[in-house]
Amino acid sequence: MKAHTSETQSTITPEKALNFLKEGNQRFVNNLKANRDLLEQVNATREGQWPFAVVLSCIDSRTSAELIFDQGLGDVFSIRIAGNFVNQDILGSMEFGCNVAGSKLIVVLGHTKCGALKGGLDAAQIKGLGMDNLNHLINHFDPIINEVIEEGEERSSKNSSLLERLNQQNVKSAIEDIRKLSSTLNNLENEGKIKIVGANYDVETGAVTWL
């Protein structure tokens, strides 16, 4: 497979971009990696880049978007932050990826057994460790935890049902924030120029399910 050019990028629709990632994950799960000359892709992209998708994922070492979607150099913008949530800087990166660089798809990718979300559930213990910036990060998940936790339910990372509900709602919340906080991206989606979708990566199987 060769790197995308401005010409090939211009022919990609949001639906095609989504299918590229779905097909790539199928190859990954079945250990059928596409044949790529990475050095050739380095040479092909030295004057510019034309990725077809923006993927927001967690920093978890098991969730590299290029690997689990079997993509090459110049194919995707990869944005990573613990807990795959959005802030103004991430929204700016997405706006650049789609409105300036021409990407056709935004994927918010959560994953099972997310350590950041576990930290949000176990916030009382984490805060006792004295890491101010980590405390700030996990506080982000409190409103979402309050949405999904049931009355009398144990707030703990050991509660696997709660953790997975939180994971999926966190992805949905990030998508809502993208649409609400970026008029640029919201307008692009309403005009059919991009899609904004959610997905979940299973760290046990390597499979991505689409929400």
N, C-alpha and C. Protein backbone atom coordinates (compact mmCIF):
# COMPACT_ATOMS: atom_id res chain seq x y z
N MET A 1 0.84 -1.20 0.00
CA MET A 1 0.00 0.00 0.00
C MET A 1 0.87 1.25 0.00
N LYS A 2 0.46 2.23 -0.79
CA LYS A 2 1.20 3.48 -0.87
C LYS A 2 0.54 4.54 0.02
N ALA A 3 1.32 5.56 0.35
CA ALA A 3 0.79 6.66 1.15
C ALA A 3 -0.24 7.44 0.35
N HIS A 4 -1.19 8.04 1.05
CA HIS A 4 -2.21 8.84 0.38
C HIS A 4 -1.60 10.13 -0.15
N THR A 5 -2.14 10.58 -1.26
CA THR A 5 -1.77 11.86 -1.85
C THR A 5 -2.97 12.79 -1.75
N SER A 6 -2.78 14.04 -2.15
CA SER A 6 -3.91 14.98 -2.14
C SER A 6 -5.00 14.50 -3.09
N GLU A 7 -4.60 13.84 -4.18
CA GLU A 7 -5.59 13.35 -5.14
C GLU A 7 -6.40 12.19 -4.57
N THR A 8 -5.72 11.23 -3.94
CA THR A 8 -6.46 10.09 -3.39
C THR A 8 -7.29 10.53 -2.19
N GLN A 9 -6.77 11.45 -1.39
CA GLN A 9 -7.55 11.92 -0.24
C GLN A 9 -8.85 12.57 -0.69
N SER A 10 -8.79 13.31 -1.80
CA SER A 10 -9.98 14.04 -2.27
C SER A 10 -11.09 13.11 -2.73
N THR A 11 -10.75 11.86 -3.04
CA THR A 11 -11.76 10.90 -3.50
C THR A 11 -12.39 10.11 -2.35
N ILE A 12 -11.85 10.28 -1.14
CA ILE A 12 -12.33 9.51 0.01
C ILE A 12 -13.53 10.20 0.64
N THR A 13 -14.61 9.48 0.81
CA THR A 13 -15.78 9.99 1.53
C THR A 13 -15.68 9.60 3.00
N PRO A 14 -16.47 10.22 3.87
CA PRO A 14 -16.47 9.78 5.26
C PRO A 14 -16.78 8.29 5.41
N GLU A 15 -17.68 7.78 4.59
CA GLU A 15 -18.04 6.36 4.66
C GLU A 15 -16.86 5.48 4.25
N LYS A 16 -16.14 5.88 3.19
CA LYS A 16 -14.96 5.12 2.77
C LYS A 16 -13.89 5.14 3.86
N ALA A 17 -13.70 6.29 4.48
CA ALA A 17 -12.70 6.40 5.54
C ALA A 17 -13.02 5.44 6.69
N LEU A 18 -14.30 5.38 7.05
CA LEU A 18 -14.71 4.47 8.11
C LEU A 18 -14.46 3.02 7.70
N ASN A 19 -14.76 2.69 6.47
CA ASN A 19 -14.53 1.32 5.99
C ASN A 19 -13.05 0.97 5.97
N PHE A 20 -12.18 1.94 5.65
CA PHE A 20 -10.74 1.68 5.69
C PHE A 20 -10.32 1.22 7.09
N LEU A 21 -10.87 1.87 8.12
CA LEU A 21 -10.50 1.51 9.48
C LEU A 21 -11.12 0.17 9.89
N LYS A 22 -12.35 -0.07 9.48
CA LYS A 22 -12.98 -1.35 9.79
C LYS A 22 -12.21 -2.50 9.15
N GLU A 23 -11.84 -2.33 7.88
CA GLU A 23 -11.09 -3.37 7.19
C GLU A 23 -9.70 -3.55 7.81
N GLY A 24 -9.10 -2.45 8.22
CA GLY A 24 -7.79 -2.53 8.84
C GLY A 24 -7.82 -3.28 10.15
N ASN A 25 -8.86 -3.06 10.95
CA ASN A 25 -8.95 -3.79 12.21
C ASN A 25 -9.19 -5.28 11.97
N GLN A 26 -9.93 -5.61 10.94
CA GLN A 26 -10.12 -7.02 10.59
C GLN A 26 -8.79 -7.67 10.23
N ARG A 27 -7.96 -6.96 9.48
CA ARG A 27 -6.63 -7.49 9.16
C ARG A 27 -5.82 -7.68 10.42
N PHE A 28 -5.88 -6.70 11.33
CA PHE A 28 -5.13 -6.77 12.58
C PHE A 28 -5.54 -7.98 13.41
N VAL A 29 -6.85 -8.16 13.55
CA VAL A 29 -7.35 -9.28 14.36
C VAL A 29 -6.95 -10.62 13.76
N ASN A 30 -6.92 -10.67 12.44
CA ASN A 30 -6.59 -11.92 11.75
C ASN A 30 -5.11 -12.05 11.40
N ASN A 31 -4.30 -11.11 11.92
CA ASN A 31 -2.84 -11.14 11.72
C ASN A 31 -2.49 -11.14 10.23
N LEU A 32 -3.19 -10.31 9.46
CA LEU A 32 -2.97 -10.22 8.02
C LEU A 32 -2.57 -8.78 7.67
N LYS A 33 -1.45 -8.37 8.16
CA LYS A 33 -1.00 -6.99 7.97
C LYS A 33 -0.81 -6.67 6.49
N ALA A 34 -1.27 -5.49 6.08
CA ALA A 34 -1.11 -5.07 4.69
C ALA A 34 0.37 -4.89 4.36
N ASN A 35 0.71 -5.17 3.12
CA ASN A 35 2.10 -5.05 2.68
C ASN A 35 2.43 -3.59 2.40
N ARG A 36 3.33 -3.03 3.19
CA ARG A 36 3.71 -1.63 3.04
C ARG A 36 5.22 -1.50 3.00
N ASP A 37 5.69 -0.60 2.17
CA ASP A 37 7.09 -0.20 2.17
C ASP A 37 7.17 1.11 2.94
N LEU A 38 7.50 1.03 4.23
CA LEU A 38 7.46 2.22 5.09
C LEU A 38 8.47 3.27 4.65
N LEU A 39 9.62 2.84 4.16
CA LEU A 39 10.59 3.82 3.68
C LEU A 39 10.05 4.57 2.47
N GLU A 40 9.34 3.85 1.60
CA GLU A 40 8.70 4.50 0.47
C GLU A 40 7.67 5.52 0.94
N GLN A 41 6.94 5.16 2.01
CA GLN A 41 5.95 6.09 2.54
C GLN A 41 6.61 7.31 3.17
N VAL A 42 7.77 7.11 3.78
CA VAL A 42 8.53 8.26 4.30
C VAL A 42 8.86 9.21 3.15
N ASN A 43 9.35 8.67 2.06
CA ASN A 43 9.71 9.50 0.91
C ASN A 43 8.47 10.17 0.29
N ALA A 44 7.37 9.41 0.23
CA ALA A 44 6.16 9.93 -0.40
C ALA A 44 5.52 11.06 0.40
N THR A 45 5.75 11.07 1.71
CA THR A 45 5.09 12.07 2.56
C THR A 45 6.05 13.18 3.02
N ARG A 46 7.25 13.22 2.48
CA ARG A 46 8.21 14.21 2.98
C ARG A 46 7.82 15.64 2.61
N GLU A 47 7.01 15.81 1.58
CA GLU A 47 6.59 17.16 1.17
C GLU A 47 5.23 17.55 1.73
N GLY A 48 4.52 16.60 2.34
CA GLY A 48 3.19 16.91 2.87
C GLY A 48 2.49 15.65 3.33
N GLN A 49 1.34 15.85 3.95
CA GLN A 49 0.57 14.72 4.48
C GLN A 49 -0.90 14.91 4.15
N TRP A 50 -1.58 13.79 3.87
CA TRP A 50 -2.99 13.82 3.51
C TRP A 50 -3.74 12.69 4.21
N PRO A 51 -3.76 12.70 5.55
CA PRO A 51 -4.46 11.64 6.28
C PRO A 51 -5.97 11.68 6.02
N PHE A 52 -6.61 10.52 6.11
CA PHE A 52 -8.05 10.46 5.86
C PHE A 52 -8.87 10.45 7.14
N ALA A 53 -8.23 10.30 8.30
CA ALA A 53 -8.97 10.20 9.56
C ALA A 53 -8.19 10.82 10.71
N VAL A 54 -8.94 11.26 11.71
CA VAL A 54 -8.39 11.71 12.99
C VAL A 54 -8.89 10.74 14.05
N VAL A 55 -7.97 10.16 14.80
CA VAL A 55 -8.35 9.20 15.84
C VAL A 55 -7.93 9.75 17.19
N LEU A 56 -8.89 9.94 18.08
CA LEU A 56 -8.63 10.32 19.46
C LEU A 56 -8.68 9.06 20.31
N SER A 57 -7.55 8.69 20.90
CA SER A 57 -7.52 7.48 21.72
C SER A 57 -6.79 7.75 23.02
N CYS A 58 -6.78 6.75 23.87
CA CYS A 58 -6.12 6.83 25.17
C CYS A 58 -4.61 6.65 24.98
N ILE A 59 -3.82 7.07 25.98
CA ILE A 59 -2.38 6.86 25.92
C ILE A 59 -1.99 5.41 26.21
N ASP A 60 -2.95 4.59 26.58
CA ASP A 60 -2.67 3.18 26.90
C ASP A 60 -1.74 2.57 25.85
N SER A 61 -0.70 1.89 26.30
CA SER A 61 0.32 1.37 25.38
C SER A 61 -0.20 0.29 24.44
N ARG A 62 -1.41 -0.21 24.72
CA ARG A 62 -1.99 -1.27 23.88
C ARG A 62 -2.90 -0.74 22.79
N THR A 63 -3.07 0.59 22.70
CA THR A 63 -4.12 1.13 21.82
C THR A 63 -3.58 2.05 20.73
N SER A 64 -2.44 1.72 20.16
CA SER A 64 -1.90 2.52 19.07
C SER A 64 -2.81 2.42 17.85
N ALA A 65 -3.35 3.56 17.42
CA ALA A 65 -4.33 3.56 16.33
C ALA A 65 -3.74 3.02 15.04
N GLU A 66 -2.49 3.37 14.73
CA GLU A 66 -1.87 2.90 13.49
C GLU A 66 -1.78 1.38 13.47
N LEU A 67 -1.53 0.77 14.62
CA LEU A 67 -1.40 -0.69 14.67
C LEU A 67 -2.75 -1.38 14.62
N ILE A 68 -3.69 -0.97 15.48
CA ILE A 68 -4.93 -1.74 15.58
C ILE A 68 -5.85 -1.51 14.38
N PHE A 69 -5.61 -0.43 13.61
CA PHE A 69 -6.35 -0.22 12.37
C PHE A 69 -5.48 -0.54 11.14
N ASP A 70 -4.28 -1.06 11.35
CA ASP A 70 -3.36 -1.44 10.28
C ASP A 70 -3.24 -0.33 9.23
N GLN A 71 -2.78 0.83 9.68
CA GLN A 71 -2.57 1.96 8.79
C GLN A 71 -1.09 2.31 8.74
N GLY A 72 -0.70 3.03 7.70
CA GLY A 72 0.70 3.37 7.49
C GLY A 72 1.00 4.82 7.78
N LEU A 73 2.22 5.23 7.41
CA LEU A 73 2.63 6.61 7.59
C LEU A 73 1.78 7.53 6.73
N GLY A 74 1.29 8.60 7.34
CA GLY A 74 0.51 9.58 6.60
C GLY A 74 -0.96 9.26 6.45
N ASP A 75 -1.43 8.18 7.10
CA ASP A 75 -2.84 7.78 6.93
C ASP A 75 -3.78 8.40 7.96
N VAL A 76 -3.31 8.54 9.21
CA VAL A 76 -4.20 9.05 10.26
C VAL A 76 -3.47 10.07 11.14
N PHE A 77 -4.23 11.06 11.59
CA PHE A 77 -3.79 11.91 12.69
C PHE A 77 -4.14 11.18 13.99
N SER A 78 -3.16 10.97 14.83
CA SER A 78 -3.38 10.24 16.07
C SER A 78 -3.24 11.20 17.25
N ILE A 79 -4.34 11.42 17.96
CA ILE A 79 -4.36 12.27 19.16
C ILE A 79 -4.54 11.36 20.36
N ARG A 80 -3.67 11.49 21.35
CA ARG A 80 -3.75 10.57 22.49
C ARG A 80 -3.70 11.34 23.81
N ILE A 81 -4.63 10.99 24.68
CA ILE A 81 -4.66 11.54 26.04
C ILE A 81 -5.31 10.50 26.94
N ALA A 82 -4.84 10.39 28.16
CA ALA A 82 -5.39 9.41 29.09
C ALA A 82 -6.90 9.63 29.24
N GLY A 83 -7.69 8.62 28.91
CA GLY A 83 -9.13 8.72 29.03
C GLY A 83 -9.83 9.26 27.80
N ASN A 84 -9.09 9.48 26.70
CA ASN A 84 -9.66 9.91 25.40
C ASN A 84 -10.81 10.91 25.52
N PHE A 85 -10.57 12.00 26.25
CA PHE A 85 -11.56 13.08 26.33
C PHE A 85 -11.05 14.28 25.55
N VAL A 86 -11.91 15.27 25.34
CA VAL A 86 -11.50 16.43 24.56
C VAL A 86 -11.35 17.67 25.44
N ASN A 87 -10.43 18.53 25.02
CA ASN A 87 -10.32 19.87 25.58
C ASN A 87 -10.08 20.83 24.41
N GLN A 88 -9.84 22.09 24.70
CA GLN A 88 -9.76 23.08 23.62
C GLN A 88 -8.59 22.80 22.68
N ASP A 89 -7.47 22.35 23.24
CA ASP A 89 -6.30 22.08 22.40
C ASP A 89 -6.55 20.88 21.49
N ILE A 90 -7.21 19.86 22.01
CA ILE A 90 -7.52 18.69 21.20
C ILE A 90 -8.53 19.06 20.12
N LEU A 91 -9.51 19.87 20.46
CA LEU A 91 -10.47 20.33 19.44
C LEU A 91 -9.77 21.12 18.35
N GLY A 92 -8.80 21.94 18.73
CA GLY A 92 -8.03 22.68 17.74
C GLY A 92 -7.27 21.75 16.81
N SER A 93 -6.71 20.67 17.38
CA SER A 93 -6.00 19.69 16.57
C SER A 93 -6.95 19.00 15.60
N MET A 94 -8.16 18.70 16.07
CA MET A 94 -9.16 18.07 15.20
C MET A 94 -9.59 19.02 14.09
N GLU A 95 -9.76 20.30 14.44
CA GLU A 95 -10.14 21.28 13.42
C GLU A 95 -9.06 21.40 12.35
N PHE A 96 -7.79 21.37 12.78
CA PHE A 96 -6.71 21.38 11.80
C PHE A 96 -6.77 20.13 10.93
N GLY A 97 -6.94 18.97 11.56
CA GLY A 97 -6.95 17.72 10.82
C GLY A 97 -8.03 17.67 9.76
N CYS A 98 -9.21 18.17 10.09
CA CYS A 98 -10.34 18.07 9.16
C CYS A 98 -10.50 19.29 8.26
N ASN A 99 -10.44 20.48 8.83
CA ASN A 99 -10.77 21.68 8.06
C ASN A 99 -9.58 22.22 7.28
N VAL A 100 -8.37 21.90 7.73
CA VAL A 100 -7.17 22.37 7.04
C VAL A 100 -6.53 21.25 6.23
N ALA A 101 -6.32 20.09 6.88
CA ALA A 101 -5.60 19.00 6.22
C ALA A 101 -6.50 18.02 5.48
N GLY A 102 -7.83 18.16 5.62
CA GLY A 102 -8.73 17.41 4.76
C GLY A 102 -9.18 16.04 5.21
N SER A 103 -8.96 15.68 6.46
CA SER A 103 -9.43 14.37 6.93
C SER A 103 -10.96 14.31 6.90
N LYS A 104 -11.49 13.12 6.68
CA LYS A 104 -12.93 12.94 6.47
C LYS A 104 -13.65 12.27 7.63
N LEU A 105 -12.91 11.88 8.67
CA LEU A 105 -13.50 11.08 9.74
C LEU A 105 -12.82 11.42 11.06
N ILE A 106 -13.64 11.54 12.12
CA ILE A 106 -13.12 11.62 13.48
C ILE A 106 -13.62 10.41 14.25
N VAL A 107 -12.69 9.68 14.86
CA VAL A 107 -13.04 8.53 15.68
C VAL A 107 -12.62 8.81 17.12
N VAL A 108 -13.56 8.69 18.04
CA VAL A 108 -13.23 8.69 19.47
C VAL A 108 -13.16 7.23 19.89
N LEU A 109 -11.97 6.79 20.26
CA LEU A 109 -11.72 5.38 20.53
C LEU A 109 -11.46 5.15 22.02
N GLY A 110 -12.43 4.52 22.68
CA GLY A 110 -12.22 4.07 24.05
C GLY A 110 -11.68 2.66 24.04
N HIS A 111 -11.42 2.12 25.23
CA HIS A 111 -10.95 0.74 25.29
C HIS A 111 -11.32 0.11 26.63
N THR A 112 -11.42 -1.19 26.63
CA THR A 112 -11.75 -1.92 27.85
C THR A 112 -10.61 -1.79 28.86
N LYS A 113 -10.98 -1.90 30.12
CA LYS A 113 -10.02 -1.89 31.24
C LYS A 113 -9.15 -0.63 31.25
N CYS A 114 -9.77 0.51 30.95
CA CYS A 114 -9.05 1.78 30.85
C CYS A 114 -8.53 2.24 32.22
N GLY A 115 -7.24 2.43 32.32
CA GLY A 115 -6.65 2.84 33.59
C GLY A 115 -7.06 4.22 34.03
N ALA A 116 -7.25 5.14 33.10
CA ALA A 116 -7.66 6.49 33.46
C ALA A 116 -9.06 6.48 34.07
N LEU A 117 -9.96 5.68 33.47
CA LEU A 117 -11.31 5.59 34.01
C LEU A 117 -11.31 4.85 35.35
N LYS A 118 -10.44 3.86 35.48
CA LYS A 118 -10.29 3.21 36.79
C LYS A 118 -9.87 4.22 37.83
N GLY A 119 -8.95 5.12 37.43
CA GLY A 119 -8.51 6.16 38.35
C GLY A 119 -9.65 7.09 38.73
N GLY A 120 -10.53 7.38 37.77
CA GLY A 120 -11.69 8.20 38.09
C GLY A 120 -12.60 7.54 39.10
N LEU A 121 -12.78 6.24 38.96
CA LEU A 121 -13.64 5.51 39.90
C LEU A 121 -12.99 5.41 41.28
N ASP A 122 -11.67 5.34 41.31
CA ASP A 122 -10.94 5.20 42.57
C ASP A 122 -10.32 6.53 42.99
N ALA A 123 -10.99 7.62 42.67
CA ALA A 123 -10.40 8.95 42.85
C ALA A 123 -9.94 9.21 44.27
N ALA A 124 -10.68 8.72 45.25
CA ALA A 124 -10.31 8.98 46.65
C ALA A 124 -8.92 8.44 46.96
N GLN A 125 -8.64 7.23 46.46
CA GLN A 125 -7.32 6.65 46.70
C GLN A 125 -6.24 7.35 45.89
N ILE A 126 -6.56 7.71 44.64
CA ILE A 126 -5.58 8.37 43.77
C ILE A 126 -5.19 9.72 44.35
N LYS A 127 -6.17 10.45 44.84
CA LYS A 127 -5.89 11.79 45.36
C LYS A 127 -4.97 11.73 46.57
N GLY A 128 -5.00 10.61 47.27
CA GLY A 128 -4.12 10.45 48.42
C GLY A 128 -2.66 10.28 48.05
N LEU A 129 -2.38 10.07 46.76
CA LEU A 129 -1.00 9.88 46.31
C LEU A 129 -0.28 11.20 46.05
N GLY A 130 -1.04 12.31 46.05
CA GLY A 130 -0.42 13.62 45.97
C GLY A 130 0.04 14.06 44.59
N MET A 131 -0.55 13.53 43.53
CA MET A 131 -0.16 13.94 42.17
C MET A 131 -1.20 14.92 41.64
N ASP A 132 -0.91 16.21 41.77
CA ASP A 132 -1.91 17.24 41.50
C ASP A 132 -2.44 17.19 40.07
N ASN A 133 -1.57 17.01 39.09
CA ASN A 133 -2.01 17.04 37.70
C ASN A 133 -2.82 15.80 37.34
N LEU A 134 -2.44 14.67 37.89
CA LEU A 134 -3.24 13.46 37.67
C LEU A 134 -4.60 13.61 38.32
N ASN A 135 -4.64 14.22 39.50
CA ASN A 135 -5.93 14.47 40.16
C ASN A 135 -6.82 15.34 39.27
N HIS A 136 -6.23 16.36 38.67
CA HIS A 136 -6.99 17.23 37.77
C HIS A 136 -7.56 16.42 36.61
N LEU A 137 -6.77 15.52 36.05
CA LEU A 137 -7.22 14.73 34.91
C LEU A 137 -8.39 13.83 35.29
N ILE A 138 -8.26 13.09 36.39
CA ILE A 138 -9.33 12.13 36.71
C ILE A 138 -10.60 12.82 37.19
N ASN A 139 -10.49 14.06 37.64
CA ASN A 139 -11.70 14.81 38.02
C ASN A 139 -12.61 15.02 36.81
N HIS A 140 -12.03 14.98 35.62
CA HIS A 140 -12.81 15.16 34.39
C HIS A 140 -13.93 14.14 34.28
N PHE A 141 -13.74 12.96 34.84
CA PHE A 141 -14.70 11.87 34.65
C PHE A 141 -15.84 11.87 35.66
N ASP A 142 -15.76 12.72 36.68
CA ASP A 142 -16.79 12.71 37.74
C ASP A 142 -18.21 12.90 37.21
N PRO A 143 -18.48 13.90 36.34
CA PRO A 143 -19.86 14.06 35.85
C PRO A 143 -20.37 12.83 35.09
N ILE A 144 -19.47 12.16 34.35
CA ILE A 144 -19.88 11.00 33.58
C ILE A 144 -20.14 9.82 34.51
N ILE A 145 -19.30 9.69 35.54
CA ILE A 145 -19.54 8.63 36.54
C ILE A 145 -20.90 8.83 37.20
N ASN A 146 -21.22 10.07 37.53
CA ASN A 146 -22.51 10.36 38.16
C ASN A 146 -23.68 10.03 37.24
N GLU A 147 -23.46 10.09 35.91
CA GLU A 147 -24.51 9.74 34.95
C GLU A 147 -24.79 8.24 34.94
N VAL A 148 -23.74 7.44 35.06
CA VAL A 148 -23.90 5.99 34.80
C VAL A 148 -24.01 5.15 36.07
N ILE A 149 -23.56 5.67 37.20
CA ILE A 149 -23.61 4.86 38.42
C ILE A 149 -25.04 4.77 38.93
N GLU A 150 -25.42 3.61 39.38
CA GLU A 150 -26.76 3.39 39.89
C GLU A 150 -26.78 3.58 41.41
N GLU A 151 -27.95 3.92 41.91
CA GLU A 151 -28.08 4.17 43.35
C GLU A 151 -27.64 2.94 44.13
N GLY A 152 -26.75 3.16 45.08
CA GLY A 152 -26.27 2.08 45.92
C GLY A 152 -25.18 1.23 45.31
N GLU A 153 -24.81 1.52 44.07
CA GLU A 153 -23.78 0.73 43.39
C GLU A 153 -22.39 1.11 43.90
N GLU A 154 -21.52 0.14 43.97
CA GLU A 154 -20.16 0.37 44.44
C GLU A 154 -19.37 1.18 43.42
N ARG A 155 -18.81 2.30 43.85
CA ARG A 155 -17.93 3.09 42.99
C ARG A 155 -16.51 2.57 43.15
N SER A 156 -16.12 1.71 42.25
CA SER A 156 -14.80 1.07 42.34
C SER A 156 -14.39 0.55 40.98
N SER A 157 -13.10 0.59 40.70
CA SER A 157 -12.59 0.03 39.44
C SER A 157 -12.77 -1.48 39.39
N LYS A 158 -13.02 -2.10 40.53
CA LYS A 158 -13.25 -3.54 40.57
C LYS A 158 -14.67 -3.89 40.09
N ASN A 159 -15.53 -2.89 40.00
CA ASN A 159 -16.89 -3.08 39.50
C ASN A 159 -16.83 -3.05 37.97
N SER A 160 -16.64 -4.21 37.34
CA SER A 160 -16.39 -4.28 35.90
C SER A 160 -17.57 -3.77 35.07
N SER A 161 -18.78 -3.99 35.56
CA SER A 161 -19.95 -3.52 34.84
C SER A 161 -19.98 -1.99 34.80
N LEU A 162 -19.72 -1.37 35.93
CA LEU A 162 -19.68 0.09 36.00
C LEU A 162 -18.55 0.64 35.13
N LEU A 163 -17.39 0.00 35.17
CA LEU A 163 -16.25 0.46 34.39
C LEU A 163 -16.57 0.45 32.89
N GLU A 164 -17.23 -0.60 32.41
CA GLU A 164 -17.52 -0.67 30.98
C GLU A 164 -18.62 0.31 30.59
N ARG A 165 -19.62 0.51 31.45
CA ARG A 165 -20.64 1.53 31.16
C ARG A 165 -20.00 2.91 31.11
N LEU A 166 -19.07 3.16 32.03
CA LEU A 166 -18.36 4.43 32.04
C LEU A 166 -17.54 4.61 30.77
N ASN A 167 -16.88 3.55 30.34
CA ASN A 167 -16.08 3.60 29.11
C ASN A 167 -16.94 4.02 27.92
N GLN A 168 -18.07 3.39 27.75
CA GLN A 168 -18.92 3.70 26.60
C GLN A 168 -19.53 5.09 26.71
N GLN A 169 -19.95 5.47 27.92
CA GLN A 169 -20.54 6.81 28.08
C GLN A 169 -19.48 7.89 27.92
N ASN A 170 -18.25 7.59 28.30
CA ASN A 170 -17.17 8.56 28.14
C ASN A 170 -16.92 8.85 26.66
N VAL A 171 -16.99 7.81 25.82
CA VAL A 171 -16.86 8.01 24.38
C VAL A 171 -18.00 8.87 23.86
N LYS A 172 -19.22 8.55 24.26
CA LYS A 172 -20.38 9.32 23.81
C LYS A 172 -20.29 10.78 24.28
N SER A 173 -19.81 10.97 25.50
CA SER A 173 -19.67 12.33 26.03
C SER A 173 -18.65 13.13 25.24
N ALA A 174 -17.55 12.48 24.85
CA ALA A 174 -16.52 13.17 24.05
C ALA A 174 -17.09 13.59 22.70
N ILE A 175 -17.89 12.72 22.09
CA ILE A 175 -18.50 13.07 20.80
C ILE A 175 -19.46 14.25 20.97
N GLU A 176 -20.24 14.23 22.03
CA GLU A 176 -21.15 15.35 22.30
C GLU A 176 -20.36 16.64 22.49
N ASP A 177 -19.23 16.57 23.19
CA ASP A 177 -18.40 17.75 23.42
C ASP A 177 -17.83 18.28 22.11
N ILE A 178 -17.41 17.38 21.22
CA ILE A 178 -16.88 17.83 19.93
C ILE A 178 -17.92 18.63 19.18
N ARG A 179 -19.14 18.10 19.13
CA ARG A 179 -20.20 18.78 18.38
C ARG A 179 -20.61 20.10 19.06
N LYS A 180 -20.61 20.10 20.37
CA LYS A 180 -21.07 21.26 21.12
C LYS A 180 -20.02 22.36 21.17
N LEU A 181 -18.75 21.99 21.29
CA LEU A 181 -17.71 22.96 21.56
C LEU A 181 -16.94 23.40 20.31
N SER A 182 -17.15 22.72 19.19
CA SER A 182 -16.51 23.13 17.94
C SER A 182 -17.56 23.33 16.86
N SER A 183 -17.90 24.59 16.62
CA SER A 183 -18.86 24.87 15.55
C SER A 183 -18.28 24.48 14.19
N THR A 184 -16.96 24.55 14.07
CA THR A 184 -16.30 24.16 12.82
C THR A 184 -16.57 22.71 12.49
N LEU A 185 -16.30 21.83 13.45
CA LEU A 185 -16.49 20.39 13.22
C LEU A 185 -17.96 20.03 13.12
N ASN A 186 -18.79 20.69 13.92
CA ASN A 186 -20.23 20.43 13.87
C ASN A 186 -20.78 20.79 12.49
N ASN A 187 -20.34 21.92 11.95
CA ASN A 187 -20.80 22.33 10.63
C ASN A 187 -20.31 21.38 9.54
N LEU A 188 -19.06 20.95 9.64
CA LEU A 188 -18.53 20.00 8.66
C LEU A 188 -19.33 18.70 8.66
N GLU A 189 -19.71 18.26 9.86
CA GLU A 189 -20.51 17.03 9.94
C GLU A 189 -21.90 17.26 9.36
N ASN A 190 -22.52 18.37 9.71
CA ASN A 190 -23.86 18.66 9.19
C ASN A 190 -23.88 18.80 7.68
N GLU A 191 -22.76 19.24 7.12
CA GLU A 191 -22.65 19.38 5.66
C GLU A 191 -22.28 18.07 4.98
N GLY A 192 -22.06 17.01 5.77
CA GLY A 192 -21.70 15.72 5.20
C GLY A 192 -20.26 15.59 4.77
N LYS A 193 -19.42 16.54 5.18
CA LYS A 193 -18.01 16.50 4.77
C LYS A 193 -17.18 15.61 5.68
N ILE A 194 -17.63 15.38 6.90
CA ILE A 194 -16.95 14.46 7.82
C ILE A 194 -17.99 13.65 8.57
N LYS A 195 -17.54 12.56 9.18
CA LYS A 195 -18.32 11.81 10.15
C LYS A 195 -17.60 11.87 11.49
N ILE A 196 -18.37 11.86 12.57
CA ILE A 196 -17.81 11.76 13.92
C ILE A 196 -18.41 10.51 14.55
N VAL A 197 -17.57 9.53 14.87
CA VAL A 197 -18.07 8.25 15.34
C VAL A 197 -17.30 7.81 16.59
N GLY A 198 -17.92 6.88 17.33
CA GLY A 198 -17.30 6.32 18.51
C GLY A 198 -17.01 4.84 18.32
N ALA A 199 -15.99 4.37 19.03
CA ALA A 199 -15.61 2.97 18.93
C ALA A 199 -14.98 2.52 20.24
N ASN A 200 -14.90 1.21 20.40
CA ASN A 200 -14.34 0.63 21.62
C ASN A 200 -13.40 -0.50 21.25
N TYR A 201 -12.18 -0.45 21.77
CA TYR A 201 -11.17 -1.46 21.51
C TYR A 201 -11.10 -2.44 22.67
N ASP A 202 -11.15 -3.71 22.36
CA ASP A 202 -11.07 -4.76 23.38
C ASP A 202 -9.61 -5.19 23.52
N VAL A 203 -9.02 -4.93 24.68
CA VAL A 203 -7.60 -5.22 24.87
C VAL A 203 -7.33 -6.73 24.96
N GLU A 204 -8.37 -7.53 25.11
CA GLU A 204 -8.19 -8.98 25.18
C GLU A 204 -8.23 -9.63 23.80
N THR A 205 -9.00 -9.07 22.88
CA THR A 205 -9.19 -9.72 21.56
C THR A 205 -8.56 -8.93 20.42
N GLY A 206 -8.32 -7.64 20.61
CA GLY A 206 -7.82 -6.79 19.54
C GLY A 206 -8.92 -6.26 18.62
N ALA A 207 -10.17 -6.62 18.90
CA ALA A 207 -11.28 -6.22 18.03
C ALA A 207 -11.84 -4.86 18.42
N VAL A 208 -12.22 -4.10 17.42
CA VAL A 208 -12.87 -2.80 17.63
C VAL A 208 -14.36 -2.96 17.32
N THR A 209 -15.19 -2.53 18.25
CA THR A 209 -16.62 -2.47 17.99
C THR A 209 -17.00 -0.99 17.85
N TRP A 210 -18.00 -0.75 17.01
CA TRP A 210 -18.39 0.62 16.68
C TRP A 210 -19.69 0.95 17.40
N LEU A 211 -19.67 2.09 18.09
CA LEU A 211 -20.79 2.45 18.97
C LEU A 211 -21.83 3.26 18.20
